[in-house]
Amino acid sequence: MESHEWNDKTEDGKRYFRATIHAGSWRFQKTLKTDPDWESIPNPDAELWLKLREILWKKYQRKRGSWTIIERIDKMLEKNFGIHIKSENE
Protein backbone atom coordinates (compact mmCIF):
# COMPACT_ATOMS: atom_id res chain seq x y z
CA MET A 1 0.00 0.00 0.00
CA GLU A 2 1.28 3.44 -0.96
CA SER A 3 -0.14 6.76 0.22
CA HIS A 4 0.27 10.30 -1.11
CA GLU A 5 -0.94 13.45 0.64
CA TRP A 6 -1.27 17.12 -0.27
CA ASN A 7 -3.25 20.16 0.81
CA ASP A 8 -5.04 23.10 -0.78
CA LYS A 9 -6.30 26.34 0.69
CA THR A 10 -10.06 26.74 0.32
CA GLU A 11 -12.60 29.23 1.60
CA ASP A 12 -13.46 26.68 4.34
CA GLY A 13 -9.82 26.54 5.45
CA LYS A 14 -6.94 24.25 4.65
CA ARG A 15 -8.21 21.02 3.05
CA TYR A 16 -6.06 17.90 3.11
CA PHE A 17 -6.25 15.13 0.50
CA ARG A 18 -4.96 11.58 0.58
CA ALA A 19 -4.73 9.10 -2.28
CA THR A 20 -3.89 5.50 -1.47
CA ILE A 21 -3.16 2.74 -3.95
CA HIS A 22 -3.57 -0.90 -2.94
CA ALA A 23 -3.65 -3.84 -5.34
CA GLY A 24 -3.94 -1.45 -8.31
CA SER A 25 -7.00 0.33 -6.93
CA TRP A 26 -7.00 3.99 -5.84
CA ARG A 27 -8.89 5.39 -2.87
CA PHE A 28 -9.22 9.15 -2.31
CA GLN A 29 -10.02 10.88 0.98
CA LYS A 30 -10.30 14.47 2.20
CA THR A 31 -10.55 16.36 5.48
CA LEU A 32 -10.31 19.87 6.84
CA LYS A 33 -7.61 20.92 9.25
CA THR A 34 -10.31 21.40 11.91
CA ASP A 35 -11.91 17.96 11.28
CA PRO A 36 -10.09 14.87 12.58
CA ASP A 37 -12.10 12.42 10.43
CA TRP A 38 -11.25 11.58 6.81
CA GLU A 39 -14.14 11.56 4.33
CA SER A 40 -14.03 9.18 1.36
CA ILE A 41 -14.28 10.58 -2.18
CA PRO A 42 -16.08 7.85 -4.16
CA ASN A 43 -15.77 9.38 -7.66
CA PRO A 44 -12.76 11.71 -7.86
CA ASP A 45 -12.98 14.31 -10.63
CA ALA A 46 -10.30 15.05 -13.22
CA GLU A 47 -8.91 17.90 -11.09
CA LEU A 48 -8.08 15.51 -8.23
CA TRP A 49 -6.47 13.00 -10.60
CA LEU A 50 -4.37 15.75 -12.19
CA LYS A 51 -3.25 17.00 -8.78
CA LEU A 52 -2.26 13.44 -7.79
CA ARG A 53 -0.37 13.09 -11.06
CA GLU A 54 1.48 16.35 -10.34
CA ILE A 55 2.47 15.07 -6.88
CA LEU A 56 3.65 11.75 -8.33
CA TRP A 57 5.55 13.51 -11.13
CA LYS A 58 7.48 15.60 -8.59
CA LYS A 59 8.30 12.46 -6.60
CA TYR A 60 9.42 10.69 -9.78
CA GLN A 61 11.75 13.57 -10.66
CA ARG A 62 13.38 13.23 -7.23
CA LYS A 63 13.69 9.46 -7.84
CA ARG A 64 11.15 8.72 -5.09
CA GLY A 65 8.33 7.45 -7.30
CA SER A 66 7.49 5.00 -10.05
CA TRP A 67 6.98 5.90 -13.71
CA THR A 68 4.60 2.93 -14.06
CA ILE A 69 2.03 4.53 -11.75
CA ILE A 70 2.19 7.81 -13.70
CA GLU A 71 1.64 5.92 -16.98
CA ARG A 72 -1.42 4.17 -15.54
CA ILE A 73 -2.88 7.48 -14.37
CA ASP A 74 -2.21 9.03 -17.80
CA LYS A 75 -4.06 6.17 -19.52
CA MET A 76 -6.97 6.47 -17.09
CA LEU A 77 -7.16 10.26 -17.58
CA GLU A 78 -7.32 9.82 -21.35
CA LYS A 79 -9.88 7.01 -21.20
CA ASN A 80 -12.22 8.50 -18.56
CA PHE A 81 -11.82 12.27 -19.06
CA GLY A 82 -10.35 12.67 -22.56
CA ILE A 83 -7.26 14.38 -21.12
CA HIS A 84 -4.05 13.57 -22.98
CA ILE A 85 -0.79 14.36 -21.24
CA LYS A 86 2.22 14.63 -23.51
CA SER A 87 5.08 12.40 -22.49
CA GLU A 88 8.72 13.30 -22.91
CA ASN A 89 8.85 11.02 -26.00
CA GLU A 90 6.31 13.08 -28.01
PDB file of N, CA and C in Angstrom:
ATOM      1  N   MET A   1       0.853  -1.170   0.000  1.00  0.00           N
ATOM      2  CA  MET A   1       0.000   0.000   0.000  1.00  0.00           C
ATOM      3  C   MET A   1       0.901   1.235   0.000  1.00  0.00           C
ATOM      4  N   GLU A   2       0.515   2.194  -0.810  1.00  0.00           N
ATOM      5  CA  GLU A   2       1.276   3.441  -0.958  1.00  0.00           C
ATOM      6  C   GLU A   2       0.320   4.610  -0.817  1.00  0.00           C
ATOM      7  N   SER A   3       0.722   5.609  -0.047  1.00  0.00           N
ATOM      8  CA  SER A   3      -0.141   6.760   0.222  1.00  0.00           C
ATOM      9  C   SER A   3       0.547   8.058  -0.180  1.00  0.00           C
ATOM     10  N   HIS A   4      -0.241   8.995  -0.715  1.00  0.00           N
ATOM     11  CA  HIS A   4       0.268  10.302  -1.114  1.00  0.00           C
ATOM     12  C   HIS A   4      -0.683  11.359  -0.566  1.00  0.00           C
ATOM     13  N   GLU A   5      -0.113  12.399   0.041  1.00  0.00           N
ATOM     14  CA  GLU A   5      -0.944  13.448   0.643  1.00  0.00           C
ATOM     15  C   GLU A   5      -0.524  14.822   0.148  1.00  0.00           C
ATOM     16  N   TRP A   6      -1.513  15.728   0.086  1.00  0.00           N
ATOM     17  CA  TRP A   6      -1.268  17.117  -0.266  1.00  0.00           C
ATOM     18  C   TRP A   6      -2.380  17.966   0.338  1.00  0.00           C
ATOM     19  N   ASN A   7      -2.216  19.278   0.275  1.00  0.00           N
ATOM     20  CA  ASN A   7      -3.252  20.161   0.811  1.00  0.00           C
ATOM     21  C   ASN A   7      -3.468  21.345  -0.114  1.00  0.00           C
ATOM     22  N   ASP A   8      -4.651  21.910  -0.010  1.00  0.00           N
ATOM     23  CA  ASP A   8      -5.043  23.099  -0.778  1.00  0.00           C
ATOM     24  C   ASP A   8      -5.743  24.058   0.166  1.00  0.00           C
ATOM     25  N   LYS A   9      -5.565  25.341  -0.088  1.00  0.00           N
ATOM     26  CA  LYS A   9      -6.299  26.343   0.688  1.00  0.00           C
ATOM     27  C   LYS A   9      -7.648  26.564   0.017  1.00  0.00           C
ATOM     28  N   THR A  10      -8.710  26.503   0.823  1.00  0.00           N
ATOM     29  CA  THR A  10     -10.061  26.741   0.321  1.00  0.00           C
ATOM     30  C   THR A  10     -10.707  27.812   1.172  1.00  0.00           C
ATOM     31  N   GLU A  11     -11.901  28.217   0.800  1.00  0.00           N
ATOM     32  CA  GLU A  11     -12.596  29.231   1.596  1.00  0.00           C
ATOM     33  C   GLU A  11     -13.039  28.663   2.950  1.00  0.00           C
ATOM     34  N   ASP A  12     -13.125  27.328   3.060  1.00  0.00           N
ATOM     35  CA  ASP A  12     -13.463  26.683   4.336  1.00  0.00           C
ATOM     36  C   ASP A  12     -12.242  26.511   5.234  1.00  0.00           C
ATOM     37  N   GLY A  13     -11.062  26.756   4.705  1.00  0.00           N
ATOM     38  CA  GLY A  13      -9.824  26.540   5.447  1.00  0.00           C
ATOM     39  C   GLY A  13      -8.918  25.596   4.669  1.00  0.00           C
ATOM     40  N   LYS A  14      -7.886  25.150   5.310  1.00  0.00           N
ATOM     41  CA  LYS A  14      -6.938  24.252   4.654  1.00  0.00           C
ATOM     42  C   LYS A  14      -7.558  22.860   4.538  1.00  0.00           C
ATOM     43  N   ARG A  15      -7.634  22.344   3.301  1.00  0.00           N
ATOM     44  CA  ARG A  15      -8.206  21.025   3.052  1.00  0.00           C
ATOM     45  C   ARG A  15      -7.073  20.067   2.694  1.00  0.00           C
ATOM     46  N   TYR A  16      -7.073  18.918   3.335  1.00  0.00           N
ATOM     47  CA  TYR A  16      -6.060  17.896   3.106  1.00  0.00           C
ATOM     48  C   TYR A  16      -6.653  16.770   2.267  1.00  0.00           C
ATOM     49  N   PHE A  17      -5.833  16.236   1.362  1.00  0.00           N
ATOM     50  CA  PHE A  17      -6.245  15.134   0.502  1.00  0.00           C
ATOM     51  C   PHE A  17      -5.267  13.986   0.671  1.00  0.00           C
ATOM     52  N   ARG A  18      -5.793  12.778   0.516  1.00  0.00           N
ATOM     53  CA  ARG A  18      -4.960  11.582   0.581  1.00  0.00           C
ATOM     54  C   ARG A  18      -5.409  10.642  -0.532  1.00  0.00           C
ATOM     55  N   ALA A  19      -4.452  10.114  -1.268  1.00  0.00           N
ATOM     56  CA  ALA A  19      -4.733   9.103  -2.284  1.00  0.00           C
ATOM     57  C   ALA A  19      -3.894   7.878  -1.936  1.00  0.00           C
ATOM     58  N   THR A  20      -4.555   6.738  -1.845  1.00  0.00           N
ATOM     59  CA  THR A  20      -3.895   5.499  -1.466  1.00  0.00           C
ATOM     60  C   THR A  20      -4.116   4.476  -2.570  1.00  0.00           C
ATOM     61  N   ILE A  21      -3.037   3.808  -2.966  1.00  0.00           N
ATOM     62  CA  ILE A  21      -3.161   2.737  -3.952  1.00  0.00           C
ATOM     63  C   ILE A  21      -2.857   1.416  -3.257  1.00  0.00           C
ATOM     64  N   HIS A  22      -3.749   0.448  -3.495  1.00  0.00           N
ATOM     65  CA  HIS A  22      -3.568  -0.895  -2.939  1.00  0.00           C
ATOM     66  C   HIS A  22      -4.108  -1.889  -3.957  1.00  0.00           C
ATOM     67  N   ALA A  23      -3.274  -2.813  -4.360  1.00  0.00           N
ATOM     68  CA  ALA A  23      -3.646  -3.838  -5.341  1.00  0.00           C
ATOM     69  C   ALA A  23      -4.181  -3.214  -6.637  1.00  0.00           C
ATOM     70  N   GLY A  24      -3.571  -2.105  -7.059  1.00  0.00           N
ATOM     71  CA  GLY A  24      -3.938  -1.455  -8.310  1.00  0.00           C
ATOM     72  C   GLY A  24      -5.189  -0.593  -8.247  1.00  0.00           C
ATOM     73  N   SER A  25      -5.771  -0.459  -7.082  1.00  0.00           N
ATOM     74  CA  SER A  25      -6.998   0.326  -6.927  1.00  0.00           C
ATOM     75  C   SER A  25      -6.719   1.564  -6.078  1.00  0.00           C
ATOM     76  N   TRP A  26      -7.204   2.720  -6.548  1.00  0.00           N
ATOM     77  CA  TRP A  26      -6.996   3.985  -5.843  1.00  0.00           C
ATOM     78  C   TRP A  26      -8.173   4.302  -4.941  1.00  0.00           C
ATOM     79  N   ARG A  27      -7.869   4.907  -3.805  1.00  0.00           N
ATOM     80  CA  ARG A  27      -8.890   5.390  -2.867  1.00  0.00           C
ATOM     81  C   ARG A  27      -8.517   6.820  -2.475  1.00  0.00           C
ATOM     82  N   PHE A  28      -9.450   7.746  -2.639  1.00  0.00           N
ATOM     83  CA  PHE A  28      -9.221   9.152  -2.313  1.00  0.00           C
ATOM     84  C   PHE A  28      -9.997   9.517  -1.058  1.00  0.00           C
ATOM     85  N   GLN A  29      -9.380  10.381  -0.232  1.00  0.00           N
ATOM     86  CA  GLN A  29     -10.024  10.882   0.981  1.00  0.00           C
ATOM     87  C   GLN A  29      -9.700  12.356   1.137  1.00  0.00           C
ATOM     88  N   LYS A  30     -10.542  13.055   1.929  1.00  0.00           N
ATOM     89  CA  LYS A  30     -10.296  14.474   2.198  1.00  0.00           C
ATOM     90  C   LYS A  30     -10.725  14.788   3.627  1.00  0.00           C
ATOM     91  N   THR A  31     -10.172  15.871   4.159  1.00  0.00           N
ATOM     92  CA  THR A  31     -10.553  16.363   5.476  1.00  0.00           C
ATOM     93  C   THR A  31     -10.162  17.827   5.566  1.00  0.00           C
ATOM     94  N   LEU A  32     -10.718  18.506   6.527  1.00  0.00           N
ATOM     95  CA  LEU A  32     -10.311  19.874   6.840  1.00  0.00           C
ATOM     96  C   LEU A  32      -9.355  19.827   8.022  1.00  0.00           C
ATOM     97  N   LYS A  33      -8.553  20.860   8.144  1.00  0.00           N
ATOM     98  CA  LYS A  33      -7.605  20.918   9.252  1.00  0.00           C
ATOM     99  C   LYS A  33      -8.336  20.827  10.595  1.00  0.00           C
ATOM    100  N   THR A  34      -9.540  21.372  10.650  1.00  0.00           N
ATOM    101  CA  THR A  34     -10.305  21.397  11.906  1.00  0.00           C
ATOM    102  C   THR A  34     -11.080  20.101  12.149  1.00  0.00           C
ATOM    103  N   ASP A  35     -11.133  19.198  11.169  1.00  0.00           N
ATOM    104  CA  ASP A  35     -11.914  17.962  11.279  1.00  0.00           C
ATOM    105  C   ASP A  35     -10.967  16.761  11.362  1.00  0.00           C
ATOM    106  N   PRO A  36     -11.019  15.996  12.437  1.00  0.00           N
ATOM    107  CA  PRO A  36     -10.086  14.873  12.579  1.00  0.00           C
ATOM    108  C   PRO A  36     -10.435  13.661  11.713  1.00  0.00           C
ATOM    109  N   ASP A  37     -11.662  13.588  11.199  1.00  0.00           N
ATOM    110  CA  ASP A  37     -12.098  12.422  10.428  1.00  0.00           C
ATOM    111  C   ASP A  37     -11.886  12.621   8.931  1.00  0.00           C
ATOM    112  N   TRP A  38     -11.424  11.556   8.260  1.00  0.00           N
ATOM    113  CA  TRP A  38     -11.247  11.578   6.810  1.00  0.00           C
ATOM    114  C   TRP A  38     -12.538  11.136   6.144  1.00  0.00           C
ATOM    115  N   GLU A  39     -12.918  11.852   5.087  1.00  0.00           N
ATOM    116  CA  GLU A  39     -14.138  11.558   4.335  1.00  0.00           C
ATOM    117  C   GLU A  39     -13.735  10.960   2.986  1.00  0.00           C
ATOM    118  N   SER A  40     -14.336   9.855   2.620  1.00  0.00           N
ATOM    119  CA  SER A  40     -14.034   9.183   1.365  1.00  0.00           C
ATOM    120  C   SER A  40     -14.570   9.989   0.172  1.00  0.00           C
ATOM    121  N   ILE A  41     -13.838   9.961  -0.930  1.00  0.00           N
ATOM    122  CA  ILE A  41     -14.278  10.584  -2.182  1.00  0.00           C
ATOM    123  C   ILE A  41     -14.532   9.442  -3.163  1.00  0.00           C
ATOM    124  N   PRO A  42     -15.796   9.038  -3.349  1.00  0.00           N
ATOM    125  CA  PRO A  42     -16.078   7.847  -4.156  1.00  0.00           C
ATOM    126  C   PRO A  42     -15.759   8.005  -5.645  1.00  0.00           C
ATOM    127  N   ASN A  43     -16.012   9.163  -6.228  1.00  0.00           N
ATOM    128  CA  ASN A  43     -15.767   9.382  -7.660  1.00  0.00           C
ATOM    129  C   ASN A  43     -14.930  10.642  -7.848  1.00  0.00           C
ATOM    130  N   PRO A  44     -13.603  10.522  -7.720  1.00  0.00           N
ATOM    131  CA  PRO A  44     -12.762  11.711  -7.861  1.00  0.00           C
ATOM    132  C   PRO A  44     -12.873  12.305  -9.263  1.00  0.00           C
ATOM    133  N   ASP A  45     -12.894  13.639  -9.330  1.00  0.00           N
ATOM    134  CA  ASP A  45     -12.978  14.313 -10.626  1.00  0.00           C
ATOM    135  C   ASP A  45     -11.585  14.423 -11.255  1.00  0.00           C
ATOM    136  N   ALA A  46     -11.557  14.929 -12.483  1.00  0.00           N
ATOM    137  CA  ALA A  46     -10.297  15.048 -13.221  1.00  0.00           C
ATOM    138  C   ALA A  46      -9.303  15.943 -12.482  1.00  0.00           C
ATOM    139  N   GLU A  47      -9.791  16.975 -11.816  1.00  0.00           N
ATOM    140  CA  GLU A  47      -8.909  17.896 -11.091  1.00  0.00           C
ATOM    141  C   GLU A  47      -8.113  17.168 -10.004  1.00  0.00           C
ATOM    142  N   LEU A  48      -8.773  16.273  -9.273  1.00  0.00           N
ATOM    143  CA  LEU A  48      -8.076  15.511  -8.229  1.00  0.00           C
ATOM    144  C   LEU A  48      -7.049  14.562  -8.836  1.00  0.00           C
ATOM    145  N   TRP A  49      -7.411  13.906  -9.937  1.00  0.00           N
ATOM    146  CA  TRP A  49      -6.471  12.999 -10.598  1.00  0.00           C
ATOM    147  C   TRP A  49      -5.255  13.764 -11.120  1.00  0.00           C
ATOM    148  N   LEU A  50      -5.490  14.949 -11.682  1.00  0.00           N
ATOM    149  CA  LEU A  50      -4.371  15.746 -12.190  1.00  0.00           C
ATOM    150  C   LEU A  50      -3.465  16.219 -11.053  1.00  0.00           C
ATOM    151  N   LYS A  51      -4.046  16.580  -9.927  1.00  0.00           N
ATOM    152  CA  LYS A  51      -3.250  16.995  -8.778  1.00  0.00           C
ATOM    153  C   LYS A  51      -2.407  15.821  -8.271  1.00  0.00           C
ATOM    154  N   LEU A  52      -3.011  14.635  -8.199  1.00  0.00           N
ATOM    155  CA  LEU A  52      -2.264  13.440  -7.794  1.00  0.00           C
ATOM    156  C   LEU A  52      -1.128  13.177  -8.765  1.00  0.00           C
ATOM    157  N   ARG A  53      -1.414  13.316 -10.067  1.00  0.00           N
ATOM    158  CA  ARG A  53      -0.367  13.089 -11.063  1.00  0.00           C
ATOM    159  C   ARG A  53       0.777  14.078 -10.874  1.00  0.00           C
ATOM    160  N   GLU A  54       0.454  15.331 -10.582  1.00  0.00           N
ATOM    161  CA  GLU A  54       1.481  16.354 -10.337  1.00  0.00           C
ATOM    162  C   GLU A  54       2.355  15.969  -9.134  1.00  0.00           C
ATOM    163  N   ILE A  55       1.735  15.499  -8.066  1.00  0.00           N
ATOM    164  CA  ILE A  55       2.467  15.066  -6.875  1.00  0.00           C
ATOM    165  C   ILE A  55       3.393  13.896  -7.227  1.00  0.00           C
ATOM    166  N   LEU A  56       2.857  12.913  -7.953  1.00  0.00           N
ATOM    167  CA  LEU A  56       3.653  11.745  -8.327  1.00  0.00           C
ATOM    168  C   LEU A  56       4.788  12.115  -9.282  1.00  0.00           C
ATOM    169  N   TRP A  57       4.531  13.065 -10.193  1.00  0.00           N
ATOM    170  CA  TRP A  57       5.551  13.512 -11.130  1.00  0.00           C
ATOM    171  C   TRP A  57       6.722  14.140 -10.381  1.00  0.00           C
ATOM    172  N   LYS A  58       6.425  14.967  -9.391  1.00  0.00           N
ATOM    173  CA  LYS A  58       7.483  15.598  -8.592  1.00  0.00           C
ATOM    174  C   LYS A  58       8.289  14.543  -7.835  1.00  0.00           C
ATOM    175  N   LYS A  59       7.602  13.535  -7.305  1.00  0.00           N
ATOM    176  CA  LYS A  59       8.305  12.456  -6.600  1.00  0.00           C
ATOM    177  C   LYS A  59       9.181  11.667  -7.571  1.00  0.00           C
ATOM    178  N   TYR A  60       8.660  11.416  -8.768  1.00  0.00           N
ATOM    179  CA  TYR A  60       9.420  10.686  -9.782  1.00  0.00           C
ATOM    180  C   TYR A  60      10.692  11.450 -10.162  1.00  0.00           C
ATOM    181  N   GLN A  61      10.580  12.762 -10.307  1.00  0.00           N
ATOM    182  CA  GLN A  61      11.749  13.569 -10.663  1.00  0.00           C
ATOM    183  C   GLN A  61      12.825  13.514  -9.580  1.00  0.00           C
ATOM    184  N   ARG A  62      12.424  13.338  -8.339  1.00  0.00           N
ATOM    185  CA  ARG A  62      13.381  13.230  -7.229  1.00  0.00           C
ATOM    186  C   ARG A  62      13.792  11.776  -6.989  1.00  0.00           C
ATOM    187  N   LYS A  63      13.406  10.887  -7.921  1.00  0.00           N
ATOM    188  CA  LYS A  63      13.695   9.456  -7.842  1.00  0.00           C
ATOM    189  C   LYS A  63      13.081   8.810  -6.596  1.00  0.00           C
ATOM    190  N   ARG A  64      11.884   9.275  -6.239  1.00  0.00           N
ATOM    191  CA  ARG A  64      11.153   8.724  -5.095  1.00  0.00           C
ATOM    192  C   ARG A  64       9.809   8.132  -5.509  1.00  0.00           C
ATOM    193  N   GLY A  65       9.607   7.976  -6.817  1.00  0.00           N
ATOM    194  CA  GLY A  65       8.333   7.452  -7.297  1.00  0.00           C
ATOM    195  C   GLY A  65       8.519   6.609  -8.540  1.00  0.00           C
ATOM    196  N   SER A  66       7.456   5.932  -8.925  1.00  0.00           N
ATOM    197  CA  SER A  66       7.486   4.999 -10.053  1.00  0.00           C
ATOM    198  C   SER A  66       6.854   5.612 -11.308  1.00  0.00           C
ATOM    199  N   TRP A  67       7.522   5.435 -12.433  1.00  0.00           N
ATOM    200  CA  TRP A  67       6.984   5.899 -13.706  1.00  0.00           C
ATOM    201  C   TRP A  67       5.753   5.080 -14.098  1.00  0.00           C
ATOM    202  N   THR A  68       5.717   3.811 -13.713  1.00  0.00           N
ATOM    203  CA  THR A  68       4.601   2.933 -14.062  1.00  0.00           C
ATOM    204  C   THR A  68       3.279   3.477 -13.540  1.00  0.00           C
ATOM    205  N   ILE A  69       3.262   3.983 -12.322  1.00  0.00           N
ATOM    206  CA  ILE A  69       2.027   4.532 -11.750  1.00  0.00           C
ATOM    207  C   ILE A  69       1.579   5.764 -12.532  1.00  0.00           C
ATOM    208  N   ILE A  70       2.528   6.615 -12.915  1.00  0.00           N
ATOM    209  CA  ILE A  70       2.189   7.808 -13.700  1.00  0.00           C
ATOM    210  C   ILE A  70       1.598   7.408 -15.044  1.00  0.00           C
ATOM    211  N   GLU A  71       2.175   6.401 -15.694  1.00  0.00           N
ATOM    212  CA  GLU A  71       1.643   5.924 -16.976  1.00  0.00           C
ATOM    213  C   GLU A  71       0.211   5.419 -16.830  1.00  0.00           C
ATOM    214  N   ARG A  72      -0.056   4.687 -15.766  1.00  0.00           N
ATOM    215  CA  ARG A  72      -1.420   4.170 -15.542  1.00  0.00           C
ATOM    216  C   ARG A  72      -2.408   5.314 -15.336  1.00  0.00           C
ATOM    217  N   ILE A  73      -1.998   6.329 -14.589  1.00  0.00           N
ATOM    218  CA  ILE A  73      -2.877   7.480 -14.368  1.00  0.00           C
ATOM    219  C   ILE A  73      -3.106   8.220 -15.686  1.00  0.00           C
ATOM    220  N   ASP A  74      -2.064   8.378 -16.501  1.00  0.00           N
ATOM    221  CA  ASP A  74      -2.210   9.032 -17.803  1.00  0.00           C
ATOM    222  C   ASP A  74      -3.213   8.294 -18.680  1.00  0.00           C
ATOM    223  N   LYS A  75      -3.129   6.965 -18.717  1.00  0.00           N
ATOM    224  CA  LYS A  75      -4.064   6.167 -19.524  1.00  0.00           C
ATOM    225  C   LYS A  75      -5.491   6.322 -19.012  1.00  0.00           C
ATOM    226  N   MET A  76      -5.657   6.318 -17.686  1.00  0.00           N
ATOM    227  CA  MET A  76      -6.973   6.466 -17.090  1.00  0.00           C
ATOM    228  C   MET A  76      -7.549   7.857 -17.378  1.00  0.00           C
ATOM    229  N   LEU A  77      -6.703   8.898 -17.292  1.00  0.00           N
ATOM    230  CA  LEU A  77      -7.160  10.259 -17.583  1.00  0.00           C
ATOM    231  C   LEU A  77      -7.647  10.378 -19.022  1.00  0.00           C
ATOM    232  N   GLU A  78      -6.919   9.757 -19.943  1.00  0.00           N
ATOM    233  CA  GLU A  78      -7.319   9.823 -21.348  1.00  0.00           C
ATOM    234  C   GLU A  78      -8.608   9.028 -21.581  1.00  0.00           C
ATOM    235  N   LYS A  79      -8.707   7.865 -20.998  1.00  0.00           N
ATOM    236  CA  LYS A  79      -9.879   7.009 -21.196  1.00  0.00           C
ATOM    237  C   LYS A  79     -11.135   7.611 -20.554  1.00  0.00           C
ATOM    238  N   ASN A  80     -11.031   8.057 -19.314  1.00  0.00           N
ATOM    239  CA  ASN A  80     -12.218   8.503 -18.564  1.00  0.00           C
ATOM    240  C   ASN A  80     -12.576   9.975 -18.747  1.00  0.00           C
ATOM    241  N   PHE A  81     -11.561  10.827 -18.997  1.00  0.00           N
ATOM    242  CA  PHE A  81     -11.825  12.265 -19.059  1.00  0.00           C
ATOM    243  C   PHE A  81     -11.410  12.899 -20.391  1.00  0.00           C
ATOM    244  N   GLY A  82     -10.795  12.132 -21.284  1.00  0.00           N
ATOM    245  CA  GLY A  82     -10.350  12.672 -22.558  1.00  0.00           C
ATOM    246  C   GLY A  82      -9.175  13.624 -22.444  1.00  0.00           C
ATOM    247  N   ILE A  83      -8.412  13.506 -21.357  1.00  0.00           N
ATOM    248  CA  ILE A  83      -7.256  14.375 -21.125  1.00  0.00           C
ATOM    249  C   ILE A  83      -5.994  13.641 -21.531  1.00  0.00           C
ATOM    250  N   HIS A  84      -5.301  14.194 -22.509  1.00  0.00           N
ATOM    251  CA  HIS A  84      -4.052  13.571 -22.978  1.00  0.00           C
ATOM    252  C   HIS A  84      -2.878  14.383 -22.442  1.00  0.00           C
ATOM    253  N   ILE A  85      -1.979  13.703 -21.777  1.00  0.00           N
ATOM    254  CA  ILE A  85      -0.787  14.358 -21.241  1.00  0.00           C
ATOM    255  C   ILE A  85       0.394  13.947 -22.115  1.00  0.00           C
ATOM    256  N   LYS A  86       1.086  14.939 -22.652  1.00  0.00           N
ATOM    257  CA  LYS A  86       2.223  14.634 -23.514  1.00  0.00           C
ATOM    258  C   LYS A  86       3.360  14.070 -22.683  1.00  0.00           C
ATOM    259  N   SER A  87       3.912  12.970 -23.167  1.00  0.00           N
ATOM    260  CA  SER A  87       5.075  12.403 -22.490  1.00  0.00           C
ATOM    261  C   SER A  87       6.334  13.033 -23.064  1.00  0.00           C
ATOM    262  N   GLU A  88       7.453  12.730 -22.447  1.00  0.00           N
ATOM    263  CA  GLU A  88       8.723  13.297 -22.912  1.00  0.00           C
ATOM    264  C   GLU A  88       9.078  12.777 -24.302  1.00  0.00           C
ATOM    265  N   ASN A  89       8.508  11.637 -24.717  1.00  0.00           N
ATOM    266  CA  ASN A  89       8.846  11.019 -25.996  1.00  0.00           C
ATOM    267  C   ASN A  89       8.086  11.652 -27.165  1.00  0.00           C
ATOM    268  N   GLU A  90       7.099  12.481 -26.912  1.00  0.00           N
ATOM    269  CA  GLU A  90       6.306  13.076 -28.008  1.00  0.00           C
ATOM    270  C   GLU A  90       6.885  14.377 -28.461  1.00  0.00           C
TER     271      GLU A  90
END
